[in-house]
């Protein structure tokens, strides 16, 4: 779609589960990226607080891949079925 600044952009969302294993959620864009000194652990924006909270609730791990834009990788174990 087109951003408020008139720039075309792309957002990619992928979700899959390894056979009998972890679930992967990948969300990325081709935007300007994030500041080079940004730390996922200490960033205090609401968005990063939500990402850290979701990762903790899912007992998962979160990493950031930088390049053209930025891509977040969230991995977590499948939910336990009672």
PDB file of N, CA and C in Angstrom:
ATOM      1  N   UNK A   1       0.814  -1.176   0.000  1.00  0.00           N
ATOM      2  CA  UNK A   1       0.000   0.000   0.000  1.00  0.00           C
ATOM      3  C   UNK A   1       0.859   1.242   0.000  1.00  0.00           C
ATOM      4  N   UNK A   2       0.205   2.382   0.030  1.00  0.00           N
ATOM      5  CA  UNK A   2       0.903   3.659   0.023  1.00  0.00           C
ATOM      6  C   UNK A   2       0.888   4.239   1.427  1.00  0.00           C
ATOM      7  N   UNK A   3       2.056   4.707   1.883  1.00  0.00           N
ATOM      8  CA  UNK A   3       2.165   5.295   3.211  1.00  0.00           C
ATOM      9  C   UNK A   3       1.627   6.727   3.181  1.00  0.00           C
ATOM     10  N   UNK A   4       1.451   7.347   4.367  1.00  0.00           N
ATOM     11  CA  UNK A   4       0.997   8.742   4.401  1.00  0.00           C
ATOM     12  C   UNK A   4       1.954   9.679   3.664  1.00  0.00           C
ATOM     13  N   UNK A   5       3.227   9.282   3.527  1.00  0.00           N
ATOM     14  CA  UNK A   5       4.199  10.126   2.830  1.00  0.00           C
ATOM     15  C   UNK A   5       4.222   9.818   1.337  1.00  0.00           C
ATOM     16  N   UNK A   6       3.283   8.982   0.844  1.00  0.00           N
ATOM     17  CA  UNK A   6       3.192   8.682  -0.564  1.00  0.00           C
ATOM     18  C   UNK A   6       4.159   7.616  -1.045  1.00  0.00           C
ATOM     19  N   UNK A   7       4.824   6.930  -0.142  1.00  0.00           N
ATOM     20  CA  UNK A   7       5.809   5.914  -0.517  1.00  0.00           C
ATOM     21  C   UNK A   7       5.139   4.555  -0.610  1.00  0.00           C
ATOM     22  N   UNK A   8       5.435   3.808  -1.653  1.00  0.00           N
ATOM     23  CA  UNK A   8       4.948   2.430  -1.780  1.00  0.00           C
ATOM     24  C   UNK A   8       5.775   1.554  -0.852  1.00  0.00           C
ATOM     25  N   UNK A   9       5.143   0.569  -0.250  1.00  0.00           N
ATOM     26  CA  UNK A   9       5.865  -0.313   0.655  1.00  0.00           C
ATOM     27  C   UNK A   9       5.305  -1.715   0.615  1.00  0.00           C
ATOM     28  N   UNK A  10       6.049  -2.625   1.216  1.00  0.00           N
ATOM     29  CA  UNK A  10       5.653  -4.030   1.238  1.00  0.00           C
ATOM     30  C   UNK A  10       5.806  -4.540   2.666  1.00  0.00           C
ATOM     31  N   UNK A  11       4.810  -5.288   3.129  1.00  0.00           N
ATOM     32  CA  UNK A  11       4.853  -5.955   4.429  1.00  0.00           C
ATOM     33  C   UNK A  11       4.655  -7.435   4.166  1.00  0.00           C
ATOM     34  N   UNK A  12       5.482  -8.247   4.809  1.00  0.00           N
ATOM     35  CA  UNK A  12       5.396  -9.694   4.634  1.00  0.00           C
ATOM     36  C   UNK A  12       5.143 -10.335   5.995  1.00  0.00           C
ATOM     37  N   UNK A  13       4.172 -11.241   6.043  1.00  0.00           N
ATOM     38  CA  UNK A  13       3.855 -11.986   7.255  1.00  0.00           C
ATOM     39  C   UNK A  13       3.868 -13.468   6.898  1.00  0.00           C
ATOM     40  N   UNK A  14       4.655 -14.239   7.625  1.00  0.00           N
ATOM     41  CA  UNK A  14       4.707 -15.693   7.406  1.00  0.00           C
ATOM     42  C   UNK A  14       4.526 -16.385   8.752  1.00  0.00           C
ATOM     43  N   UNK A  15       3.801 -17.491   8.739  1.00  0.00           N
ATOM     44  CA  UNK A  15       3.565 -18.285   9.938  1.00  0.00           C
ATOM     45  C   UNK A  15       3.624 -19.748   9.532  1.00  0.00           C
ATOM     46  N   UNK A  16       4.434 -20.543  10.226  1.00  0.00           N
ATOM     47  CA  UNK A  16       4.504 -21.972   9.950  1.00  0.00           C
ATOM     48  C   UNK A  16       4.970 -22.712  11.192  1.00  0.00           C
ATOM     49  N   UNK A  17       4.758 -24.009  11.178  1.00  0.00           N
ATOM     50  CA  UNK A  17       5.199 -24.857  12.279  1.00  0.00           C
ATOM     51  C   UNK A  17       6.115 -25.929  11.718  1.00  0.00           C
ATOM     52  N   UNK A  18       7.264 -26.095  12.372  1.00  0.00           N
ATOM     53  CA  UNK A  18       8.142 -27.196  12.014  1.00  0.00           C
ATOM     54  C   UNK A  18       7.409 -28.481  12.359  1.00  0.00           C
ATOM     55  N   UNK A  19       7.671 -29.536  11.640  1.00  0.00           N
ATOM     56  CA  UNK A  19       7.005 -30.810  11.889  1.00  0.00           C
ATOM     57  C   UNK A  19       7.239 -31.201  13.349  1.00  0.00           C
ATOM     58  N   UNK A  20       6.143 -31.226  14.130  1.00  0.00           N
ATOM     59  CA  UNK A  20       6.218 -31.597  15.536  1.00  0.00           C
ATOM     60  C   UNK A  20       7.023 -30.653  16.408  1.00  0.00           C
ATOM     61  N   UNK A  21       7.240 -29.428  15.947  1.00  0.00           N
ATOM     62  CA  UNK A  21       8.110 -28.545  16.717  1.00  0.00           C
ATOM     63  C   UNK A  21       7.648 -27.111  16.814  1.00  0.00           C
ATOM     64  N   UNK A  22       8.616 -26.224  16.830  1.00  0.00           N
ATOM     65  CA  UNK A  22       8.388 -24.808  17.053  1.00  0.00           C
ATOM     66  C   UNK A  22       7.489 -24.185  15.987  1.00  0.00           C
ATOM     67  N   UNK A  23       6.800 -23.139  16.429  1.00  0.00           N
ATOM     68  CA  UNK A  23       6.014 -22.306  15.534  1.00  0.00           C
ATOM     69  C   UNK A  23       6.836 -21.050  15.256  1.00  0.00           C
ATOM     70  N   UNK A  24       6.841 -20.620  14.007  1.00  0.00           N
ATOM     71  CA  UNK A  24       7.591 -19.433  13.588  1.00  0.00           C
ATOM     72  C   UNK A  24       6.614 -18.382  13.075  1.00  0.00           C
ATOM     73  N   UNK A  25       6.773 -17.160  13.550  1.00  0.00           N
ATOM     74  CA  UNK A  25       6.037 -16.012  13.039  1.00  0.00           C
ATOM     75  C   UNK A  25       7.072 -15.003  12.577  1.00  0.00           C
ATOM     76  N   UNK A  26       7.023 -14.633  11.306  1.00  0.00           N
ATOM     77  CA  UNK A  26       7.981 -13.691  10.742  1.00  0.00           C
ATOM     78  C   UNK A  26       7.198 -12.522  10.156  1.00  0.00           C
ATOM     79  N   UNK A  27       7.553 -11.307  10.587  1.00  0.00           N
ATOM     80  CA  UNK A  27       6.908 -10.097  10.087  1.00  0.00           C
ATOM     81  C   UNK A  27       8.015  -9.145   9.655  1.00  0.00           C
ATOM     82  N   UNK A  28       7.943  -8.696   8.409  1.00  0.00           N
ATOM     83  CA  UNK A  28       8.975  -7.800   7.911  1.00  0.00           C
ATOM     84  C   UNK A  28       8.420  -6.768   6.960  1.00  0.00           C
ATOM     85  N   UNK A  29       9.223  -5.745   6.708  1.00  0.00           N
ATOM     86  CA  UNK A  29       8.845  -4.719   5.741  1.00  0.00           C
ATOM     87  C   UNK A  29      10.082  -4.270   4.978  1.00  0.00           C
ATOM     88  N   UNK A  30       9.861  -3.455   3.970  1.00  0.00           N
ATOM     89  CA  UNK A  30      10.976  -2.936   3.188  1.00  0.00           C
ATOM     90  C   UNK A  30      11.148  -1.435   3.405  1.00  0.00           C
ATOM     91  N   UNK A  31      10.795  -0.988   4.609  1.00  0.00           N
ATOM     92  CA  UNK A  31      10.884   0.427   4.957  1.00  0.00           C
ATOM     93  C   UNK A  31      12.300   0.868   5.259  1.00  0.00           C
ATOM     94  N   UNK A  32      12.437   2.021   5.912  1.00  0.00           N
ATOM     95  CA  UNK A  32      13.761   2.592   6.164  1.00  0.00           C
ATOM     96  C   UNK A  32      14.563   1.857   7.236  1.00  0.00           C
ATOM     97  N   UNK A  33      13.962   0.906   7.911  1.00  0.00           N
ATOM     98  CA  UNK A  33      14.686   0.171   8.950  1.00  0.00           C
ATOM     99  C   UNK A  33      14.623   0.867  10.293  1.00  0.00           C
ATOM    100  N   UNK A  34      15.376   0.342  11.224  1.00  0.00           N
ATOM    101  CA  UNK A  34      15.400   0.877  12.581  1.00  0.00           C
ATOM    102  C   UNK A  34      16.749   1.527  12.855  1.00  0.00           C
ATOM    103  N   UNK A  35      16.828   2.400  13.869  1.00  0.00           N
ATOM    104  CA  UNK A  35      18.110   3.018  14.198  1.00  0.00           C
ATOM    105  C   UNK A  35      19.164   1.951  14.511  1.00  0.00           C
ATOM    106  N   UNK A  36      20.413   2.182  14.114  1.00  0.00           N
ATOM    107  CA  UNK A  36      21.455   1.167  14.287  1.00  0.00           C
ATOM    108  C   UNK A  36      21.761   0.813  15.747  1.00  0.00           C
ATOM    109  N   UNK A  37      21.505   1.700  16.672  1.00  0.00           N
ATOM    110  CA  UNK A  37      21.823   1.436  18.082  1.00  0.00           C
ATOM    111  C   UNK A  37      20.626   0.911  18.866  1.00  0.00           C
ATOM    112  N   UNK A  38      19.550   0.539  18.195  1.00  0.00           N
ATOM    113  CA  UNK A  38      18.337   0.065  18.863  1.00  0.00           C
ATOM    114  C   UNK A  38      18.560  -1.322  19.465  1.00  0.00           C
ATOM    115  N   UNK A  39      18.101  -1.514  20.684  1.00  0.00           N
ATOM    116  CA  UNK A  39      18.184  -2.807  21.347  1.00  0.00           C
ATOM    117  C   UNK A  39      16.773  -3.299  21.635  1.00  0.00           C
ATOM    118  N   UNK A  40      16.466  -4.532  21.223  1.00  0.00           N
ATOM    119  CA  UNK A  40      15.141  -5.100  21.492  1.00  0.00           C
ATOM    120  C   UNK A  40      14.860  -5.166  22.986  1.00  0.00           C
ATOM    121  N   UNK A  41      15.899  -5.382  23.782  1.00  0.00           N
ATOM    122  CA  UNK A  41      15.721  -5.547  25.220  1.00  0.00           C
ATOM    123  C   UNK A  41      15.420  -4.237  25.943  1.00  0.00           C
ATOM    124  N   UNK A  42      15.916  -3.108  25.404  1.00  0.00           N
ATOM    125  CA  UNK A  42      15.767  -1.848  26.138  1.00  0.00           C
ATOM    126  C   UNK A  42      14.883  -0.817  25.449  1.00  0.00           C
ATOM    127  N   UNK A  43      14.469  -1.057  24.205  1.00  0.00           N
ATOM    128  CA  UNK A  43      13.602  -0.096  23.520  1.00  0.00           C
ATOM    129  C   UNK A  43      12.311   0.061  24.328  1.00  0.00           C
ATOM    130  N   UNK A  44      11.886   1.308  24.543  1.00  0.00           N
ATOM    131  CA  UNK A  44      10.754   1.521  25.449  1.00  0.00           C
ATOM    132  C   UNK A  44       9.468   1.934  24.748  1.00  0.00           C
ATOM    133  N   UNK A  45       9.402   1.812  23.435  1.00  0.00           N
ATOM    134  CA  UNK A  45       8.158   2.165  22.742  1.00  0.00           C
ATOM    135  C   UNK A  45       7.092   1.124  23.068  1.00  0.00           C
ATOM    136  N   UNK A  46       5.843   1.507  22.922  1.00  0.00           N
ATOM    137  CA  UNK A  46       4.733   0.599  23.206  1.00  0.00           C
ATOM    138  C   UNK A  46       4.816  -0.644  22.326  1.00  0.00           C
ATOM    139  N   UNK A  47       5.171  -0.473  21.056  1.00  0.00           N
ATOM    140  CA  UNK A  47       5.284  -1.612  20.145  1.00  0.00           C
ATOM    141  C   UNK A  47       6.291  -2.645  20.632  1.00  0.00           C
ATOM    142  N   UNK A  48       7.454  -2.195  21.075  1.00  0.00           N
ATOM    143  CA  UNK A  48       8.470  -3.129  21.560  1.00  0.00           C
ATOM    144  C   UNK A  48       8.072  -3.750  22.900  1.00  0.00           C
ATOM    145  N   UNK A  49       7.371  -2.986  23.738  1.00  0.00           N
ATOM    146  CA  UNK A  49       6.878  -3.549  24.994  1.00  0.00           C
ATOM    147  C   UNK A  49       5.889  -4.678  24.703  1.00  0.00           C
ATOM    148  N   UNK A  50       5.018  -4.483  23.718  1.00  0.00           N
ATOM    149  CA  UNK A  50       4.047  -5.521  23.345  1.00  0.00           C
ATOM    150  C   UNK A  50       4.771  -6.738  22.782  1.00  0.00           C
ATOM    151  N   UNK A  51       5.767  -6.530  21.925  1.00  0.00           N
ATOM    152  CA  UNK A  51       6.530  -7.654  21.369  1.00  0.00           C
ATOM    153  C   UNK A  51       7.202  -8.470  22.473  1.00  0.00           C
ATOM    154  N   UNK A  52       7.838  -7.791  23.421  1.00  0.00           N
ATOM    155  CA  UNK A  52       8.506  -8.510  24.520  1.00  0.00           C
ATOM    156  C   UNK A  52       7.497  -9.251  25.380  1.00  0.00           C
ATOM    157  N   UNK A  53       6.352  -8.636  25.650  1.00  0.00           N
ATOM    158  CA  UNK A  53       5.316  -9.277  26.460  1.00  0.00           C
ATOM    159  C   UNK A  53       4.764 -10.513  25.756  1.00  0.00           C
ATOM    160  N   UNK A  54       4.484 -10.401  24.452  1.00  0.00           N
ATOM    161  CA  UNK A  54       3.988 -11.538  23.686  1.00  0.00           C
ATOM    162  C   UNK A  54       5.010 -12.668  23.680  1.00  0.00           C
ATOM    163  N   UNK A  55       6.271 -12.331  23.477  1.00  0.00           N
ATOM    164  CA  UNK A  55       7.336 -13.337  23.468  1.00  0.00           C
ATOM    165  C   UNK A  55       7.407 -14.055  24.807  1.00  0.00           C
ATOM    166  N   UNK A  56       7.324 -13.310  25.908  1.00  0.00           N
ATOM    167  CA  UNK A  56       7.347 -13.920  27.242  1.00  0.00           C
ATOM    168  C   UNK A  56       6.138 -14.821  27.459  1.00  0.00           C
ATOM    169  N   UNK A  57       4.949 -14.356  27.076  1.00  0.00           N
ATOM    170  CA  UNK A  57       3.732 -15.145  27.270  1.00  0.00           C
ATOM    171  C   UNK A  57       3.779 -16.460  26.500  1.00  0.00           C
ATOM    172  N   UNK A  58       4.395 -16.425  25.323  1.00  0.00           N
ATOM    173  CA  UNK A  58       4.483 -17.628  24.488  1.00  0.00           C
ATOM    174  C   UNK A  58       5.695 -18.496  24.833  1.00  0.00           C
ATOM    175  N   UNK A  59       6.498 -18.032  25.801  1.00  0.00           N
ATOM    176  CA  UNK A  59       7.740 -18.727  26.178  1.00  0.00           C
ATOM    177  C   UNK A  59       8.616 -18.929  24.948  1.00  0.00           C
ATOM    178  N   UNK A  60       8.741 -17.847  24.173  1.00  0.00           N
ATOM    179  CA  UNK A  60       9.461 -17.917  22.918  1.00  0.00           C
ATOM    180  C   UNK A  60      10.723 -17.088  22.903  1.00  0.00           C
ATOM    181  N   UNK A  61      11.241 -16.898  21.704  1.00  0.00           N
ATOM    182  CA  UNK A  61      12.419 -16.063  21.502  1.00  0.00           C
ATOM    183  C   UNK A  61      12.145 -15.121  20.334  1.00  0.00           C
ATOM    184  N   UNK A  62      12.738 -13.945  20.419  1.00  0.00           N
ATOM    185  CA  UNK A  62      12.514 -12.907  19.425  1.00  0.00           C
ATOM    186  C   UNK A  62      13.860 -12.400  18.944  1.00  0.00           C
ATOM    187  N   UNK A  63      14.003 -12.268  17.635  1.00  0.00           N
ATOM    188  CA  UNK A  63      15.222 -11.649  17.113  1.00  0.00           C
ATOM    189  C   UNK A  63      14.852 -10.726  15.960  1.00  0.00           C
ATOM    190  N   UNK A  64      15.755  -9.830  15.668  1.00  0.00           N
ATOM    191  CA  UNK A  64      15.563  -8.821  14.642  1.00  0.00           C
ATOM    192  C   UNK A  64      16.597  -9.032  13.555  1.00  0.00           C
ATOM    193  N   UNK A  65      16.133  -9.095  12.319  1.00  0.00           N
ATOM    194  CA  UNK A  65      17.024  -9.200  11.161  1.00  0.00           C
ATOM    195  C   UNK A  65      16.969  -7.869  10.445  1.00  0.00           C
ATOM    196  N   UNK A  66      18.117  -7.243  10.307  1.00  0.00           N
ATOM    197  CA  UNK A  66      18.146  -5.954   9.628  1.00  0.00           C
ATOM    198  C   UNK A  66      18.722  -6.115   8.239  1.00  0.00           C
ATOM    199  N   UNK A  67      18.328  -5.253   7.378  1.00  0.00           N
ATOM    200  CA  UNK A  67      18.754  -5.258   5.985  1.00  0.00           C
ATOM    201  C   UNK A  67      17.935  -4.194   5.306  1.00  0.00           C
ATOM    202  N   UNK A  68      17.315  -4.537   4.196  1.00  0.00           N
ATOM    203  CA  UNK A  68      16.373  -3.622   3.567  1.00  0.00           C
ATOM    204  C   UNK A  68      15.103  -3.671   4.414  1.00  0.00           C
ATOM    205  N   UNK A  69      14.836  -2.625   5.184  1.00  0.00           N
ATOM    206  CA  UNK A  69      13.723  -2.649   6.131  1.00  0.00           C
ATOM    207  C   UNK A  69      14.137  -3.398   7.376  1.00  0.00           C
ATOM    208  N   UNK A  70      13.193  -4.046   8.007  1.00  0.00           N
ATOM    209  CA  UNK A  70      13.509  -4.868   9.173  1.00  0.00           C
ATOM    210  C   UNK A  70      12.524  -6.036   9.232  1.00  0.00           C
ATOM    211  N   UNK A  71      12.995  -7.119   9.826  1.00  0.00           N
ATOM    212  CA  UNK A  71      12.186  -8.325   9.931  1.00  0.00           C
ATOM    213  C   UNK A  71      12.317  -8.869  11.337  1.00  0.00           C
ATOM    214  N   UNK A  72      11.184  -9.143  11.971  1.00  0.00           N
ATOM    215  CA  UNK A  72      11.155  -9.738  13.297  1.00  0.00           C
ATOM    216  C   UNK A  72      10.850 -11.221  13.174  1.00  0.00           C
ATOM    217  N   UNK A  73      11.598 -12.042  13.892  1.00  0.00           N
ATOM    218  CA  UNK A  73      11.390 -13.494  13.930  1.00  0.00           C
ATOM    219  C   UNK A  73      10.985 -13.868  15.352  1.00  0.00           C
ATOM    220  N   UNK A  74       9.799 -14.405  15.508  1.00  0.00           N
ATOM    221  CA  UNK A  74       9.316 -14.895  16.808  1.00  0.00           C
ATOM    222  C   UNK A  74       9.162 -16.407  16.694  1.00  0.00           C
ATOM    223  N   UNK A  75       9.839 -17.113  17.567  1.00  0.00           N
ATOM    224  CA  UNK A  75       9.734 -18.593  17.618  1.00  0.00           C
ATOM    225  C   UNK A  75       9.197 -18.962  18.981  1.00  0.00           C
ATOM    226  N   UNK A  76       8.267 -19.936  18.982  1.00  0.00           N
ATOM    227  CA  UNK A  76       7.699 -20.355  20.265  1.00  0.00           C
ATOM    228  C   UNK A  76       7.221 -21.801  20.152  1.00  0.00           C
ATOM    229  N   UNK A  77       7.176 -22.488  21.301  1.00  0.00           N
ATOM    230  CA  UNK A  77       6.708 -23.870  21.283  1.00  0.00           C
ATOM    231  C   UNK A  77       5.206 -23.916  21.046  1.00  0.00           C
ATOM    232  N   UNK A  78       4.712 -25.027  20.492  1.00  0.00           N
ATOM    233  CA  UNK A  78       3.256 -25.143  20.293  1.00  0.00           C
ATOM    234  C   UNK A  78       2.544 -25.138  21.631  1.00  0.00           C
ATOM    235  N   UNK A  79       1.321 -24.637  21.666  1.00  0.00           N
ATOM    236  CA  UNK A  79       0.578 -24.637  22.931  1.00  0.00           C
ATOM    237  C   UNK A  79       0.289 -26.052  23.390  1.00  0.00           C
ATOM    238  N   UNK A  80       0.265 -26.203  24.700  1.00  0.00           N
ATOM    239  CA  UNK A  80      -0.052 -27.527  25.265  1.00  0.00           C
ATOM    240  C   UNK A  80      -1.560 -27.738  25.199  1.00  0.00           C
ATOM    241  N   UNK A  81      -1.969 -28.899  24.715  1.00  0.00           N
ATOM    242  CA  UNK A  81      -3.393 -29.218  24.616  1.00  0.00           C
ATOM    243  C   UNK A  81      -3.765 -30.044  25.834  1.00  0.00           C
ATOM    244  N   UNK A  82      -4.770 -29.591  26.616  1.00  0.00           N
ATOM    245  CA  UNK A  82      -5.139 -30.322  27.838  1.00  0.00           C
ATOM    246  C   UNK A  82      -5.715 -31.701  27.531  1.00  0.00           C
TER     247      UNK A  82
END
